[in-house]
Amino acid sequence: MVVEIADDGSGIPPEVQSHIFEPFYTTKGVGRNGLGLVISSRIVANRHNGEIEFSSAPGDTASKCAYRSSTLRNRVDGGKRRGVGKGWN
């Protein structure tokens, strides 16, 4: 399964792109911890055997989260479904 998210914002500057998965790296200033993408990428990799990729240019930024189908199948069909929210039960 692949989940893609895109926006038409200003993009991620080239000098920042190599740092976005580093712990505590942030461009947001004081009070922001810079852990969101680190935690997300570790969950996707360690729990779901997947990966997060991104591409960025002004007006065209996209993130892609790819999950291995066998891992998802075990989570969804392996007895109890662990989803959250309506429509997953």
PDB file of N, CA and C in Angstrom:
ATOM      1  N   MET A   1       0.846  -1.163   0.000  1.00  0.00           N
ATOM      2  CA  MET A   1       0.000   0.000   0.000  1.00  0.00           C
ATOM      3  C   MET A   1       0.895   1.230   0.000  1.00  0.00           C
ATOM      4  N   VAL A   2       0.498   2.249  -0.720  1.00  0.00           N
ATOM      5  CA  VAL A   2       1.227   3.503  -0.767  1.00  0.00           C
ATOM      6  C   VAL A   2       0.265   4.631  -0.430  1.00  0.00           C
ATOM      7  N   VAL A   3       0.681   5.497   0.474  1.00  0.00           N
ATOM      8  CA  VAL A   3      -0.086   6.683   0.831  1.00  0.00           C
ATOM      9  C   VAL A   3       0.736   7.886   0.391  1.00  0.00           C
ATOM     10  N   GLU A   4       0.135   8.781  -0.377  1.00  0.00           N
ATOM     11  CA  GLU A   4       0.833   9.979  -0.831  1.00  0.00           C
ATOM     12  C   GLU A   4       0.106  11.213  -0.333  1.00  0.00           C
ATOM     13  N   ILE A   5       0.901  12.186   0.100  1.00  0.00           N
ATOM     14  CA  ILE A   5       0.367  13.456   0.563  1.00  0.00           C
ATOM     15  C   ILE A   5       1.111  14.547  -0.196  1.00  0.00           C
ATOM     16  N   ALA A   6       0.383  15.488  -0.750  1.00  0.00           N
ATOM     17  CA  ALA A   6       1.015  16.559  -1.518  1.00  0.00           C
ATOM     18  C   ALA A   6       0.422  17.903  -1.117  1.00  0.00           C
ATOM     19  N   ASP A   7       1.216  18.950  -1.325  1.00  0.00           N
ATOM     20  CA  ASP A   7       0.698  20.296  -1.115  1.00  0.00           C
ATOM     21  C   ASP A   7       1.309  21.239  -2.147  1.00  0.00           C
ATOM     22  N   ASP A   8       0.806  22.454  -2.158  1.00  0.00           N
ATOM     23  CA  ASP A   8       1.295  23.435  -3.121  1.00  0.00           C
ATOM     24  C   ASP A   8       1.997  24.592  -2.416  1.00  0.00           C
ATOM     25  N   GLY A   9       2.616  24.290  -1.274  1.00  0.00           N
ATOM     26  CA  GLY A   9       3.303  25.314  -0.484  1.00  0.00           C
ATOM     27  C   GLY A   9       4.644  25.704  -1.078  1.00  0.00           C
ATOM     28  N   SER A  10       5.450  26.355  -0.257  1.00  0.00           N
ATOM     29  CA  SER A  10       6.725  26.903  -0.723  1.00  0.00           C
ATOM     30  C   SER A  10       7.808  25.852  -0.911  1.00  0.00           C
ATOM     31  N   GLY A  11       7.585  24.635  -0.454  1.00  0.00           N
ATOM     32  CA  GLY A  11       8.574  23.567  -0.615  1.00  0.00           C
ATOM     33  C   GLY A  11       9.595  23.563   0.511  1.00  0.00           C
ATOM     34  N   ILE A  12      10.442  22.555   0.508  1.00  0.00           N
ATOM     35  CA  ILE A  12      11.510  22.420   1.496  1.00  0.00           C
ATOM     36  C   ILE A  12      12.801  22.870   0.814  1.00  0.00           C
ATOM     37  N   PRO A  13      13.459  23.879   1.344  1.00  0.00           N
ATOM     38  CA  PRO A  13      14.676  24.374   0.699  1.00  0.00           C
ATOM     39  C   PRO A  13      15.727  23.266   0.546  1.00  0.00           C
ATOM     40  N   PRO A  14      16.465  23.272  -0.545  1.00  0.00           N
ATOM     41  CA  PRO A  14      17.464  22.222  -0.783  1.00  0.00           C
ATOM     42  C   PRO A  14      18.458  22.044   0.360  1.00  0.00           C
ATOM     43  N   GLU A  15      18.864  23.136   1.000  1.00  0.00           N
ATOM     44  CA  GLU A  15      19.839  23.022   2.092  1.00  0.00           C
ATOM     45  C   GLU A  15      19.258  22.375   3.350  1.00  0.00           C
ATOM     46  N   VAL A  16      17.952  22.248   3.431  1.00  0.00           N
ATOM     47  CA  VAL A  16      17.283  21.642   4.582  1.00  0.00           C
ATOM     48  C   VAL A  16      16.938  20.180   4.305  1.00  0.00           C
ATOM     49  N   GLN A  17      16.736  19.808   3.056  1.00  0.00           N
ATOM     50  CA  GLN A  17      16.228  18.483   2.702  1.00  0.00           C
ATOM     51  C   GLN A  17      17.043  17.334   3.272  1.00  0.00           C
ATOM     52  N   SER A  18      18.355  17.458   3.338  1.00  0.00           N
ATOM     53  CA  SER A  18      19.169  16.351   3.848  1.00  0.00           C
ATOM     54  C   SER A  18      19.054  16.187   5.357  1.00  0.00           C
ATOM     55  N   HIS A  19      18.391  17.104   6.039  1.00  0.00           N
ATOM     56  CA  HIS A  19      18.288  17.063   7.500  1.00  0.00           C
ATOM     57  C   HIS A  19      16.907  16.695   8.027  1.00  0.00           C
ATOM     58  N   ILE A  20      15.911  16.560   7.166  1.00  0.00           N
ATOM     59  CA  ILE A  20      14.531  16.488   7.679  1.00  0.00           C
ATOM     60  C   ILE A  20      14.235  15.257   8.527  1.00  0.00           C
ATOM     61  N   PHE A  21      15.020  14.188   8.410  1.00  0.00           N
ATOM     62  CA  PHE A  21      14.795  13.008   9.238  1.00  0.00           C
ATOM     63  C   PHE A  21      15.766  12.937  10.423  1.00  0.00           C
ATOM     64  N   GLU A  22      16.518  13.996  10.680  1.00  0.00           N
ATOM     65  CA  GLU A  22      17.440  14.024  11.824  1.00  0.00           C
ATOM     66  C   GLU A  22      16.683  14.403  13.089  1.00  0.00           C
ATOM     67  N   PRO A  23      16.969  13.700  14.206  1.00  0.00           N
ATOM     68  CA  PRO A  23      16.317  14.059  15.470  1.00  0.00           C
ATOM     69  C   PRO A  23      16.667  15.492  15.880  1.00  0.00           C
ATOM     70  N   PHE A  24      15.681  16.203  16.353  1.00  0.00           N
ATOM     71  CA  PHE A  24      15.797  17.546  16.898  1.00  0.00           C
ATOM     72  C   PHE A  24      16.124  18.621  15.864  1.00  0.00           C
ATOM     73  N   TYR A  25      16.139  18.285  14.588  1.00  0.00           N
ATOM     74  CA  TYR A  25      16.349  19.310  13.564  1.00  0.00           C
ATOM     75  C   TYR A  25      15.013  19.992  13.299  1.00  0.00           C
ATOM     76  N   THR A  26      15.000  21.292  13.369  1.00  0.00           N
ATOM     77  CA  THR A  26      13.785  22.044  13.086  1.00  0.00           C
ATOM     78  C   THR A  26      14.126  23.395  12.489  1.00  0.00           C
ATOM     79  N   THR A  27      13.252  23.896  11.679  1.00  0.00           N
ATOM     80  CA  THR A  27      13.369  25.255  11.160  1.00  0.00           C
ATOM     81  C   THR A  27      12.301  26.140  11.795  1.00  0.00           C
ATOM     82  N   LYS A  28      11.545  25.585  12.736  1.00  0.00           N
ATOM     83  CA  LYS A  28      10.395  26.280  13.311  1.00  0.00           C
ATOM     84  C   LYS A  28      10.745  27.205  14.467  1.00  0.00           C
ATOM     85  N   GLY A  29      11.952  27.107  15.020  1.00  0.00           N
ATOM     86  CA  GLY A  29      12.334  27.995  16.114  1.00  0.00           C
ATOM     87  C   GLY A  29      12.105  27.381  17.484  1.00  0.00           C
ATOM     88  N   VAL A  30      12.267  28.203  18.496  1.00  0.00           N
ATOM     89  CA  VAL A  30      12.176  27.789  19.894  1.00  0.00           C
ATOM     90  C   VAL A  30      10.800  27.213  20.200  1.00  0.00           C
ATOM     91  N   GLY A  31      10.795  26.148  20.966  1.00  0.00           N
ATOM     92  CA  GLY A  31       9.543  25.521  21.376  1.00  0.00           C
ATOM     93  C   GLY A  31       9.113  24.361  20.500  1.00  0.00           C
ATOM     94  N   ARG A  32       9.767  24.136  19.405  1.00  0.00           N
ATOM     95  CA  ARG A  32       9.466  23.005  18.519  1.00  0.00           C
ATOM     96  C   ARG A  32      10.587  21.999  18.681  1.00  0.00           C
ATOM     97  N   ASN A  33      10.257  20.715  18.779  1.00  0.00           N
ATOM     98  CA  ASN A  33      11.291  19.733  19.101  1.00  0.00           C
ATOM     99  C   ASN A  33      11.916  19.040  17.905  1.00  0.00           C
ATOM    100  N   GLY A  34      11.352  19.125  16.720  1.00  0.00           N
ATOM    101  CA  GLY A  34      11.964  18.509  15.549  1.00  0.00           C
ATOM    102  C   GLY A  34      11.954  16.994  15.564  1.00  0.00           C
ATOM    103  N   LEU A  35      10.947  16.388  16.177  1.00  0.00           N
ATOM    104  CA  LEU A  35      10.885  14.923  16.263  1.00  0.00           C
ATOM    105  C   LEU A  35       9.807  14.294  15.410  1.00  0.00           C
ATOM    106  N   GLY A  36       8.922  15.073  14.814  1.00  0.00           N
ATOM    107  CA  GLY A  36       7.776  14.527  14.085  1.00  0.00           C
ATOM    108  C   GLY A  36       8.138  13.560  12.974  1.00  0.00           C
ATOM    109  N   LEU A  37       9.013  13.969  12.056  1.00  0.00           N
ATOM    110  CA  LEU A  37       9.376  13.088  10.953  1.00  0.00           C
ATOM    111  C   LEU A  37      10.267  11.937  11.400  1.00  0.00           C
ATOM    112  N   VAL A  38      11.078  12.154  12.428  1.00  0.00           N
ATOM    113  CA  VAL A  38      11.922  11.079  12.956  1.00  0.00           C
ATOM    114  C   VAL A  38      11.045   9.967  13.526  1.00  0.00           C
ATOM    115  N   ILE A  39      10.091  10.342  14.345  1.00  0.00           N
ATOM    116  CA  ILE A  39       9.189   9.355  14.952  1.00  0.00           C
ATOM    117  C   ILE A  39       8.362   8.664  13.876  1.00  0.00           C
ATOM    118  N   SER A  40       7.826   9.442  12.945  1.00  0.00           N
ATOM    119  CA  SER A  40       7.018   8.860  11.871  1.00  0.00           C
ATOM    120  C   SER A  40       7.819   7.858  11.051  1.00  0.00           C
ATOM    121  N   SER A  41       9.032   8.219  10.663  1.00  0.00           N
ATOM    122  CA  SER A  41       9.832   7.316   9.827  1.00  0.00           C
ATOM    123  C   SER A  41      10.233   6.056  10.583  1.00  0.00           C
ATOM    124  N   ARG A  42      10.493   6.172  11.874  1.00  0.00           N
ATOM    125  CA  ARG A  42      10.833   4.979  12.665  1.00  0.00           C
ATOM    126  C   ARG A  42       9.640   4.047  12.827  1.00  0.00           C
ATOM    127  N   ILE A  43       8.463   4.612  13.035  1.00  0.00           N
ATOM    128  CA  ILE A  43       7.262   3.778  13.148  1.00  0.00           C
ATOM    129  C   ILE A  43       7.013   3.044  11.840  1.00  0.00           C
ATOM    130  N   VAL A  44       7.077   3.772  10.732  1.00  0.00           N
ATOM    131  CA  VAL A  44       6.832   3.154   9.426  1.00  0.00           C
ATOM    132  C   VAL A  44       7.867   2.074   9.140  1.00  0.00           C
ATOM    133  N   ALA A  45       9.139   2.336   9.437  1.00  0.00           N
ATOM    134  CA  ALA A  45      10.203   1.369   9.159  1.00  0.00           C
ATOM    135  C   ALA A  45      10.175   0.186  10.122  1.00  0.00           C
ATOM    136  N   ASN A  46      10.106   0.463  11.413  1.00  0.00           N
ATOM    137  CA  ASN A  46      10.243  -0.605  12.414  1.00  0.00           C
ATOM    138  C   ASN A  46       8.971  -1.420  12.632  1.00  0.00           C
ATOM    139  N   ARG A  47       7.825  -0.788  12.598  1.00  0.00           N
ATOM    140  CA  ARG A  47       6.575  -1.496  12.865  1.00  0.00           C
ATOM    141  C   ARG A  47       5.920  -2.043  11.610  1.00  0.00           C
ATOM    142  N   HIS A  48       6.184  -1.408  10.456  1.00  0.00           N
ATOM    143  CA  HIS A  48       5.463  -1.768   9.234  1.00  0.00           C
ATOM    144  C   HIS A  48       6.371  -2.166   8.078  1.00  0.00           C
ATOM    145  N   ASN A  49       7.678  -2.204   8.334  1.00  0.00           N
ATOM    146  CA  ASN A  49       8.626  -2.601   7.300  1.00  0.00           C
ATOM    147  C   ASN A  49       8.450  -1.759   6.034  1.00  0.00           C
ATOM    148  N   GLY A  50       8.236  -0.460   6.240  1.00  0.00           N
ATOM    149  CA  GLY A  50       8.014   0.440   5.113  1.00  0.00           C
ATOM    150  C   GLY A  50       9.029   1.553   5.081  1.00  0.00           C
ATOM    151  N   GLU A  51       8.759   2.556   4.289  1.00  0.00           N
ATOM    152  CA  GLU A  51       9.667   3.687   4.194  1.00  0.00           C
ATOM    153  C   GLU A  51       8.908   4.945   3.804  1.00  0.00           C
ATOM    154  N   ILE A  52       9.475   6.089   4.171  1.00  0.00           N
ATOM    155  CA  ILE A  52       8.912   7.380   3.798  1.00  0.00           C
ATOM    156  C   ILE A  52       9.898   8.045   2.847  1.00  0.00           C
ATOM    157  N   GLU A  53       9.387   8.523   1.749  1.00  0.00           N
ATOM    158  CA  GLU A  53      10.187   9.262   0.764  1.00  0.00           C
ATOM    159  C   GLU A  53       9.541  10.619   0.565  1.00  0.00           C
ATOM    160  N   PHE A  54      10.322  11.578   0.090  1.00  0.00           N
ATOM    161  CA  PHE A  54       9.731  12.867  -0.226  1.00  0.00           C
ATOM    162  C   PHE A  54      10.423  13.473  -1.436  1.00  0.00           C
ATOM    163  N   SER A  55       9.718  14.366  -2.079  1.00  0.00           N
ATOM    164  CA  SER A  55      10.287  15.202  -3.130  1.00  0.00           C
ATOM    165  C   SER A  55       9.735  16.591  -2.904  1.00  0.00           C
ATOM    166  N   SER A  56      10.535  17.590  -3.207  1.00  0.00           N
ATOM    167  CA  SER A  56      10.078  18.938  -2.911  1.00  0.00           C
ATOM    168  C   SER A  56      10.609  19.948  -3.920  1.00  0.00           C
ATOM    169  N   ALA A  57       9.701  20.757  -4.393  1.00  0.00           N
ATOM    170  CA  ALA A  57       9.995  21.912  -5.229  1.00  0.00           C
ATOM    171  C   ALA A  57       8.925  22.953  -4.896  1.00  0.00           C
ATOM    172  N   PRO A  58       9.204  24.227  -5.056  1.00  0.00           N
ATOM    173  CA  PRO A  58       8.179  25.233  -4.756  1.00  0.00           C
ATOM    174  C   PRO A  58       6.868  24.925  -5.483  1.00  0.00           C
ATOM    175  N   GLY A  59       5.804  24.863  -4.716  1.00  0.00           N
ATOM    176  CA  GLY A  59       4.494  24.589  -5.279  1.00  0.00           C
ATOM    177  C   GLY A  59       4.186  23.131  -5.531  1.00  0.00           C
ATOM    178  N   ASP A  60       5.134  22.252  -5.231  1.00  0.00           N
ATOM    179  CA  ASP A  60       4.935  20.821  -5.512  1.00  0.00           C
ATOM    180  C   ASP A  60       5.764  19.976  -4.546  1.00  0.00           C
ATOM    181  N   THR A  61       5.266  19.798  -3.342  1.00  0.00           N
ATOM    182  CA  THR A  61       5.927  18.964  -2.348  1.00  0.00           C
ATOM    183  C   THR A  61       5.072  17.730  -2.120  1.00  0.00           C
ATOM    184  N   ALA A  62       5.691  16.566  -2.117  1.00  0.00           N
ATOM    185  CA  ALA A  62       4.952  15.317  -1.929  1.00  0.00           C
ATOM    186  C   ALA A  62       5.708  14.404  -0.986  1.00  0.00           C
ATOM    187  N   SER A  63       4.973  13.733  -0.122  1.00  0.00           N
ATOM    188  CA  SER A  63       5.523  12.696   0.743  1.00  0.00           C
ATOM    189  C   SER A  63       4.852  11.390   0.368  1.00  0.00           C
ATOM    190  N   LYS A  64       5.622  10.334   0.318  1.00  0.00           N
ATOM    191  CA  LYS A  64       5.079   9.028  -0.019  1.00  0.00           C
ATOM    192  C   LYS A  64       5.473   8.056   1.079  1.00  0.00           C
ATOM    193  N   CYS A  65       4.503   7.337   1.584  1.00  0.00           N
ATOM    194  CA  CYS A  65       4.725   6.343   2.619  1.00  0.00           C
ATOM    195  C   CYS A  65       4.356   4.989   2.030  1.00  0.00           C
ATOM    196  N   ALA A  66       5.341   4.114   1.865  1.00  0.00           N
ATOM    197  CA  ALA A  66       5.106   2.814   1.235  1.00  0.00           C
ATOM    198  C   ALA A  66       5.220   1.709   2.277  1.00  0.00           C
ATOM    199  N   TYR A  67       4.210   0.866   2.348  1.00  0.00           N
ATOM    200  CA  TYR A  67       4.177  -0.263   3.273  1.00  0.00           C
ATOM    201  C   TYR A  67       4.288  -1.561   2.487  1.00  0.00           C
ATOM    202  N   ARG A  68       5.007  -2.508   3.025  1.00  0.00           N
ATOM    203  CA  ARG A  68       5.087  -3.830   2.414  1.00  0.00           C
ATOM    204  C   ARG A  68       3.738  -4.516   2.595  1.00  0.00           C
ATOM    205  N   SER A  69       3.191  -5.091   1.571  1.00  0.00           N
ATOM    206  CA  SER A  69       1.838  -5.646   1.622  1.00  0.00           C
ATOM    207  C   SER A  69       1.705  -6.781   2.629  1.00  0.00           C
ATOM    208  N   SER A  70       2.718  -7.619   2.792  1.00  0.00           N
ATOM    209  CA  SER A  70       2.603  -8.742   3.730  1.00  0.00           C
ATOM    210  C   SER A  70       2.491  -8.239   5.161  1.00  0.00           C
ATOM    211  N   THR A  71       3.184  -7.163   5.505  1.00  0.00           N
ATOM    212  CA  THR A  71       3.105  -6.607   6.848  1.00  0.00           C
ATOM    213  C   THR A  71       1.726  -6.049   7.111  1.00  0.00           C
ATOM    214  N   LEU A  72       1.180  -5.305   6.158  1.00  0.00           N
ATOM    215  CA  LEU A  72      -0.166  -4.763   6.325  1.00  0.00           C
ATOM    216  C   LEU A  72      -1.205  -5.859   6.397  1.00  0.00           C
ATOM    217  N   ARG A  73      -1.086  -6.873   5.575  1.00  0.00           N
ATOM    218  CA  ARG A  73      -2.045  -7.962   5.575  1.00  0.00           C
ATOM    219  C   ARG A  73      -2.093  -8.618   6.954  1.00  0.00           C
ATOM    220  N   ASN A  74      -0.937  -8.840   7.582  1.00  0.00           N
ATOM    221  CA  ASN A  74      -0.902  -9.439   8.912  1.00  0.00           C
ATOM    222  C   ASN A  74      -1.580  -8.545   9.936  1.00  0.00           C
ATOM    223  N   ARG A  75      -1.395  -7.253   9.832  1.00  0.00           N
ATOM    224  CA  ARG A  75      -1.999  -6.337  10.791  1.00  0.00           C
ATOM    225  C   ARG A  75      -3.510  -6.237  10.609  1.00  0.00           C
ATOM    226  N   VAL A  76      -3.983  -6.221   9.378  1.00  0.00           N
ATOM    227  CA  VAL A  76      -5.408  -6.022   9.130  1.00  0.00           C
ATOM    228  C   VAL A  76      -6.177  -7.328   9.235  1.00  0.00           C
ATOM    229  N   ASP A  77      -5.667  -8.390   8.667  1.00  0.00           N
ATOM    230  CA  ASP A  77      -6.415  -9.633   8.599  1.00  0.00           C
ATOM    231  C   ASP A  77      -6.063 -10.642   9.691  1.00  0.00           C
ATOM    232  N   GLY A  78      -5.090 -10.322  10.517  1.00  0.00           N
ATOM    233  CA  GLY A  78      -4.612 -11.292  11.499  1.00  0.00           C
ATOM    234  C   GLY A  78      -5.447 -11.349  12.757  1.00  0.00           C
ATOM    235  N   GLY A  79      -6.736 -11.399  12.669  1.00  0.00           N
ATOM    236  CA  GLY A  79      -7.579 -11.496  13.850  1.00  0.00           C
ATOM    237  C   GLY A  79      -8.256 -10.175  14.104  1.00  0.00           C
ATOM    238  N   LYS A  80      -7.852  -9.494  15.161  1.00  0.00           N
ATOM    239  CA  LYS A  80      -8.466  -8.216  15.510  1.00  0.00           C
ATOM    240  C   LYS A  80      -7.885  -7.111  14.644  1.00  0.00           C
ATOM    241  N   ARG A  81      -8.756  -6.272  14.160  1.00  0.00           N
ATOM    242  CA  ARG A  81      -8.289  -5.113  13.397  1.00  0.00           C
ATOM    243  C   ARG A  81      -7.941  -4.011  14.384  1.00  0.00           C
ATOM    244  N   ARG A  82      -6.809  -3.387  14.148  1.00  0.00           N
ATOM    245  CA  ARG A  82      -6.304  -2.426  15.123  1.00  0.00           C
ATOM    246  C   ARG A  82      -6.483  -0.978  14.687  1.00  0.00           C
ATOM    247  N   GLY A  83      -7.375  -0.734  13.759  1.00  0.00           N
ATOM    248  CA  GLY A  83      -7.554   0.624  13.253  1.00  0.00           C
ATOM    249  C   GLY A  83      -8.242   1.525  14.256  1.00  0.00           C
ATOM    250  N   VAL A  84      -8.182   2.803  13.999  1.00  0.00           N
ATOM    251  CA  VAL A  84      -8.824   3.783  14.849  1.00  0.00           C
ATOM    252  C   VAL A  84      -9.839   4.542  14.015  1.00  0.00           C
ATOM    253  N   GLY A  85     -10.974   4.800  14.570  1.00  0.00           N
ATOM    254  CA  GLY A  85     -11.957   5.622  13.880  1.00  0.00           C
ATOM    255  C   GLY A  85     -13.028   4.812  13.196  1.00  0.00           C
ATOM    256  N   LYS A  86     -14.044   5.505  12.717  1.00  0.00           N
ATOM    257  CA  LYS A  86     -15.170   4.867  12.045  1.00  0.00           C
ATOM    258  C   LYS A  86     -14.738   4.264  10.725  1.00  0.00           C
ATOM    259  N   GLY A  87     -15.377   3.221  10.311  1.00  0.00           N
ATOM    260  CA  GLY A  87     -15.124   2.615   9.021  1.00  0.00           C
ATOM    261  C   GLY A  87     -13.993   1.596   9.033  1.00  0.00           C
ATOM    262  N   TRP A  88     -13.312   1.442  10.138  1.00  0.00           N
ATOM    263  CA  TRP A  88     -12.198   0.483  10.209  1.00  0.00           C
ATOM    264  C   TRP A  88     -12.637  -0.767  10.957  1.00  0.00           C
ATOM    265  N   ASN A  89     -13.741  -0.725  11.638  1.00  0.00           N
ATOM    266  CA  ASN A  89     -14.173  -1.869  12.460  1.00  0.00           C
ATOM    267  C   ASN A  89     -14.728  -2.982  11.662  1.00  0.00           C
TER     268      ASN A  89
END
